[in-house]
Amino acid sequence: MKRRVVSKAAVKQAAVRSTKASAKLERRVVPATFVREPRVERFLAERRQRD
């Protein structure tokens, strides 16, 4: 099989779609109006920096 070049945006979109589907199967869907706390956003940003 030939290798394909996939953009970061496509990978991110696939991950989002997969996460939503998984949550739905487990009956734990996150409401569309949900907003993370700034503290959590900072924590996640720091983790992304380390990776």
PDB file of N, CA and C in Angstrom:
ATOM      1  N   MET A   1       0.841  -1.177   0.000  1.00  0.00           N
ATOM      2  CA  MET A   1       0.000   0.000   0.000  1.00  0.00           C
ATOM      3  C   MET A   1       0.887   1.241   0.000  1.00  0.00           C
ATOM      4  N   LYS A   2       0.502   2.198  -0.789  1.00  0.00           N
ATOM      5  CA  LYS A   2       1.264   3.426  -0.920  1.00  0.00           C
ATOM      6  C   LYS A   2       1.041   4.324   0.300  1.00  0.00           C
ATOM      7  N   ARG A   3       2.097   5.011   0.739  1.00  0.00           N
ATOM      8  CA  ARG A   3       1.984   5.941   1.862  1.00  0.00           C
ATOM      9  C   ARG A   3       1.291   7.216   1.406  1.00  0.00           C
ATOM     10  N   ARG A   4       0.531   7.812   2.308  1.00  0.00           N
ATOM     11  CA  ARG A   4      -0.150   9.067   2.003  1.00  0.00           C
ATOM     12  C   ARG A   4       0.294  10.145   2.969  1.00  0.00           C
ATOM     13  N   VAL A   5       0.336  11.353   2.491  1.00  0.00           N
ATOM     14  CA  VAL A   5       0.643  12.493   3.343  1.00  0.00           C
ATOM     15  C   VAL A   5      -0.687  13.044   3.839  1.00  0.00           C
ATOM     16  N   VAL A   6      -0.813  13.122   5.162  1.00  0.00           N
ATOM     17  CA  VAL A   6      -2.051  13.598   5.774  1.00  0.00           C
ATOM     18  C   VAL A   6      -1.744  14.847   6.581  1.00  0.00           C
ATOM     19  N   SER A   7      -2.567  15.866   6.431  1.00  0.00           N
ATOM     20  CA  SER A   7      -2.332  17.122   7.145  1.00  0.00           C
ATOM     21  C   SER A   7      -2.664  16.968   8.626  1.00  0.00           C
ATOM     22  N   LYS A   8      -2.081  17.849   9.437  1.00  0.00           N
ATOM     23  CA  LYS A   8      -2.358  17.839  10.876  1.00  0.00           C
ATOM     24  C   LYS A   8      -3.834  18.099  11.134  1.00  0.00           C
ATOM     25  N   ALA A   9      -4.424  18.963  10.319  1.00  0.00           N
ATOM     26  CA  ALA A   9      -5.845  19.291  10.486  1.00  0.00           C
ATOM     27  C   ALA A   9      -6.712  18.054  10.265  1.00  0.00           C
ATOM     28  N   ALA A  10      -6.374  17.233   9.293  1.00  0.00           N
ATOM     29  CA  ALA A  10      -7.140  16.018   9.015  1.00  0.00           C
ATOM     30  C   ALA A  10      -7.018  15.029  10.162  1.00  0.00           C
ATOM     31  N   VAL A  11      -5.829  14.916  10.725  1.00  0.00           N
ATOM     32  CA  VAL A  11      -5.621  14.013  11.865  1.00  0.00           C
ATOM     33  C   VAL A  11      -6.420  14.500  13.062  1.00  0.00           C
ATOM     34  N   LYS A  12      -6.381  15.809  13.315  1.00  0.00           N
ATOM     35  CA  LYS A  12      -7.122  16.394  14.435  1.00  0.00           C
ATOM     36  C   LYS A  12      -8.619  16.163  14.260  1.00  0.00           C
ATOM     37  N   GLN A  13      -9.121  16.361  13.047  1.00  0.00           N
ATOM     38  CA  GLN A  13     -10.543  16.181  12.777  1.00  0.00           C
ATOM     39  C   GLN A  13     -10.951  14.718  12.990  1.00  0.00           C
ATOM     40  N   ALA A  14     -10.113  13.796  12.576  1.00  0.00           N
ATOM     41  CA  ALA A  14     -10.400  12.375  12.770  1.00  0.00           C
ATOM     42  C   ALA A  14     -10.412  12.027  14.254  1.00  0.00           C
ATOM     43  N   ALA A  15      -9.499  12.611  15.014  1.00  0.00           N
ATOM     44  CA  ALA A  15      -9.451  12.360  16.459  1.00  0.00           C
ATOM     45  C   ALA A  15     -10.701  12.894  17.147  1.00  0.00           C
ATOM     46  N   VAL A  16     -11.136  14.069  16.746  1.00  0.00           N
ATOM     47  CA  VAL A  16     -12.353  14.667  17.325  1.00  0.00           C
ATOM     48  C   VAL A  16     -13.557  13.790  17.015  1.00  0.00           C
ATOM     49  N   ARG A  17     -13.662  13.364  15.770  1.00  0.00           N
ATOM     50  CA  ARG A  17     -14.783  12.523  15.343  1.00  0.00           C
ATOM     51  C   ARG A  17     -14.786  11.201  16.115  1.00  0.00           C
ATOM     52  N   SER A  18     -13.626  10.607  16.270  1.00  0.00           N
ATOM     53  CA  SER A  18     -13.498   9.342  16.985  1.00  0.00           C
ATOM     54  C   SER A  18     -13.853   9.494  18.464  1.00  0.00           C
ATOM     55  N   THR A  19     -13.393  10.584  19.065  1.00  0.00           N
ATOM     56  CA  THR A  19     -13.672  10.826  20.482  1.00  0.00           C
ATOM     57  C   THR A  19     -15.157  11.012  20.722  1.00  0.00           C
ATOM     58  N   LYS A  20     -15.798  11.773  19.840  1.00  0.00           N
ATOM     59  CA  LYS A  20     -17.245  11.992  19.977  1.00  0.00           C
ATOM     60  C   LYS A  20     -18.011  10.678  19.830  1.00  0.00           C
ATOM     61  N   ALA A  21     -17.617   9.863  18.859  1.00  0.00           N
ATOM     62  CA  ALA A  21     -18.292   8.587  18.633  1.00  0.00           C
ATOM     63  C   ALA A  21     -18.106   7.665  19.829  1.00  0.00           C
ATOM     64  N   SER A  22     -16.915   7.638  20.381  1.00  0.00           N
ATOM     65  CA  SER A  22     -16.630   6.804  21.542  1.00  0.00           C
ATOM     66  C   SER A  22     -17.465   7.245  22.746  1.00  0.00           C
ATOM     67  N   ALA A  23     -17.526   8.548  22.971  1.00  0.00           N
ATOM     68  CA  ALA A  23     -18.303   9.076  24.088  1.00  0.00           C
ATOM     69  C   ALA A  23     -19.787   8.747  23.915  1.00  0.00           C
ATOM     70  N   LYS A  24     -20.267   8.849  22.695  1.00  0.00           N
ATOM     71  CA  LYS A  24     -21.672   8.555  22.432  1.00  0.00           C
ATOM     72  C   LYS A  24     -21.985   7.085  22.720  1.00  0.00           C
ATOM     73  N   LEU A  25     -21.078   6.203  22.344  1.00  0.00           N
ATOM     74  CA  LEU A  25     -21.268   4.779  22.620  1.00  0.00           C
ATOM     75  C   LEU A  25     -21.329   4.502  24.115  1.00  0.00           C
ATOM     76  N   GLU A  26     -20.572   5.273  24.887  1.00  0.00           N
ATOM     77  CA  GLU A  26     -20.532   5.090  26.328  1.00  0.00           C
ATOM     78  C   GLU A  26     -21.583   5.922  27.052  1.00  0.00           C
ATOM     79  N   ARG A  27     -22.450   6.541  26.273  1.00  0.00           N
ATOM     80  CA  ARG A  27     -23.533   7.386  26.799  1.00  0.00           C
ATOM     81  C   ARG A  27     -23.008   8.483  27.716  1.00  0.00           C
ATOM     82  N   ARG A  28     -21.973   9.142  27.287  1.00  0.00           N
ATOM     83  CA  ARG A  28     -21.417  10.269  28.042  1.00  0.00           C
ATOM     84  C   ARG A  28     -21.091  11.420  27.100  1.00  0.00           C
ATOM     85  N   VAL A  29     -22.075  11.848  26.367  1.00  0.00           N
ATOM     86  CA  VAL A  29     -21.906  12.915  25.383  1.00  0.00           C
ATOM     87  C   VAL A  29     -21.722  14.258  26.100  1.00  0.00           C
ATOM     88  N   VAL A  30     -20.762  15.043  25.662  1.00  0.00           N
ATOM     89  CA  VAL A  30     -20.489  16.361  26.233  1.00  0.00           C
ATOM     90  C   VAL A  30     -21.393  17.380  25.544  1.00  0.00           C
ATOM     91  N   PRO A  31     -22.102  18.196  26.321  1.00  0.00           N
ATOM     92  CA  PRO A  31     -22.985  19.192  25.713  1.00  0.00           C
ATOM     93  C   PRO A  31     -22.202  20.191  24.852  1.00  0.00           C
ATOM     94  N   ALA A  32     -22.833  20.684  23.805  1.00  0.00           N
ATOM     95  CA  ALA A  32     -22.190  21.624  22.882  1.00  0.00           C
ATOM     96  C   ALA A  32     -21.832  22.933  23.581  1.00  0.00           C
ATOM     97  N   THR A  33     -22.529  23.269  24.653  1.00  0.00           N
ATOM     98  CA  THR A  33     -22.293  24.534  25.360  1.00  0.00           C
ATOM     99  C   THR A  33     -21.171  24.427  26.398  1.00  0.00           C
ATOM    100  N   PHE A  34     -20.580  23.251  26.540  1.00  0.00           N
ATOM    101  CA  PHE A  34     -19.534  23.042  27.539  1.00  0.00           C
ATOM    102  C   PHE A  34     -18.298  23.876  27.227  1.00  0.00           C
ATOM    103  N   VAL A  35     -17.757  24.547  28.246  1.00  0.00           N
ATOM    104  CA  VAL A  35     -16.538  25.341  28.104  1.00  0.00           C
ATOM    105  C   VAL A  35     -15.583  24.929  29.221  1.00  0.00           C
ATOM    106  N   ARG A  36     -14.352  24.615  28.854  1.00  0.00           N
ATOM    107  CA  ARG A  36     -13.358  24.245  29.865  1.00  0.00           C
ATOM    108  C   ARG A  36     -12.965  25.461  30.695  1.00  0.00           C
ATOM    109  N   GLU A  37     -12.585  25.183  31.941  1.00  0.00           N
ATOM    110  CA  GLU A  37     -12.096  26.245  32.813  1.00  0.00           C
ATOM    111  C   GLU A  37     -10.734  26.720  32.304  1.00  0.00           C
ATOM    112  N   PRO A  38     -10.411  27.995  32.523  1.00  0.00           N
ATOM    113  CA  PRO A  38      -9.104  28.511  32.089  1.00  0.00           C
ATOM    114  C   PRO A  38      -7.943  27.719  32.694  1.00  0.00           C
ATOM    115  N   ARG A  39      -8.122  27.257  33.917  1.00  0.00           N
ATOM    116  CA  ARG A  39      -7.084  26.475  34.600  1.00  0.00           C
ATOM    117  C   ARG A  39      -6.794  25.188  33.827  1.00  0.00           C
ATOM    118  N   VAL A  40      -7.836  24.552  33.333  1.00  0.00           N
ATOM    119  CA  VAL A  40      -7.683  23.313  32.568  1.00  0.00           C
ATOM    120  C   VAL A  40      -7.034  23.603  31.225  1.00  0.00           C
ATOM    121  N   GLU A  41      -7.431  24.696  30.583  1.00  0.00           N
ATOM    122  CA  GLU A  41      -6.831  25.076  29.308  1.00  0.00           C
ATOM    123  C   GLU A  41      -5.328  25.310  29.456  1.00  0.00           C
ATOM    124  N   ARG A  42      -4.922  25.981  30.560  1.00  0.00           N
ATOM    125  CA  ARG A  42      -3.492  26.215  30.802  1.00  0.00           C
ATOM    126  C   ARG A  42      -2.758  24.900  30.988  1.00  0.00           C
ATOM    127  N   PHE A  43      -3.365  23.992  31.754  1.00  0.00           N
ATOM    128  CA  PHE A  43      -2.761  22.685  31.999  1.00  0.00           C
ATOM    129  C   PHE A  43      -2.546  21.937  30.685  1.00  0.00           C
ATOM    130  N   LEU A  44      -3.565  21.907  29.845  1.00  0.00           N
ATOM    131  CA  LEU A  44      -3.469  21.208  28.567  1.00  0.00           C
ATOM    132  C   LEU A  44      -2.444  21.869  27.645  1.00  0.00           C
ATOM    133  N   ALA A  45      -2.377  23.194  27.665  1.00  0.00           N
ATOM    134  CA  ALA A  45      -1.406  23.911  26.843  1.00  0.00           C
ATOM    135  C   ALA A  45       0.014  23.562  27.277  1.00  0.00           C
ATOM    136  N   GLU A  46       0.230  23.473  28.585  1.00  0.00           N
ATOM    137  CA  GLU A  46       1.561  23.085  29.084  1.00  0.00           C
ATOM    138  C   GLU A  46       1.933  21.673  28.650  1.00  0.00           C
ATOM    139  N   ARG A  47       0.973  20.779  28.688  1.00  0.00           N
ATOM    140  CA  ARG A  47       1.237  19.392  28.267  1.00  0.00           C
ATOM    141  C   ARG A  47       1.562  19.313  26.789  1.00  0.00           C
ATOM    142  N   ARG A  48       0.867  20.117  25.984  1.00  0.00           N
ATOM    143  CA  ARG A  48       1.137  20.123  24.544  1.00  0.00           C
ATOM    144  C   ARG A  48       2.547  20.643  24.264  1.00  0.00           C
ATOM    145  N   GLN A  49       2.996  21.602  25.068  1.00  0.00           N
ATOM    146  CA  GLN A  49       4.328  22.172  24.900  1.00  0.00           C
ATOM    147  C   GLN A  49       5.407  21.106  25.155  1.00  0.00           C
ATOM    148  N   ARG A  50       5.186  20.245  26.145  1.00  0.00           N
ATOM    149  CA  ARG A  50       6.162  19.218  26.508  1.00  0.00           C
ATOM    150  C   ARG A  50       6.273  18.141  25.447  1.00  0.00           C
ATOM    151  N   ASP A  51       5.193  17.849  24.767  1.00  0.00           N
ATOM    152  CA  ASP A  51       5.194  16.763  23.765  1.00  0.00           C
ATOM    153  C   ASP A  51       5.817  17.216  22.535  1.00  0.00           C
TER     154      ASP A  51
END
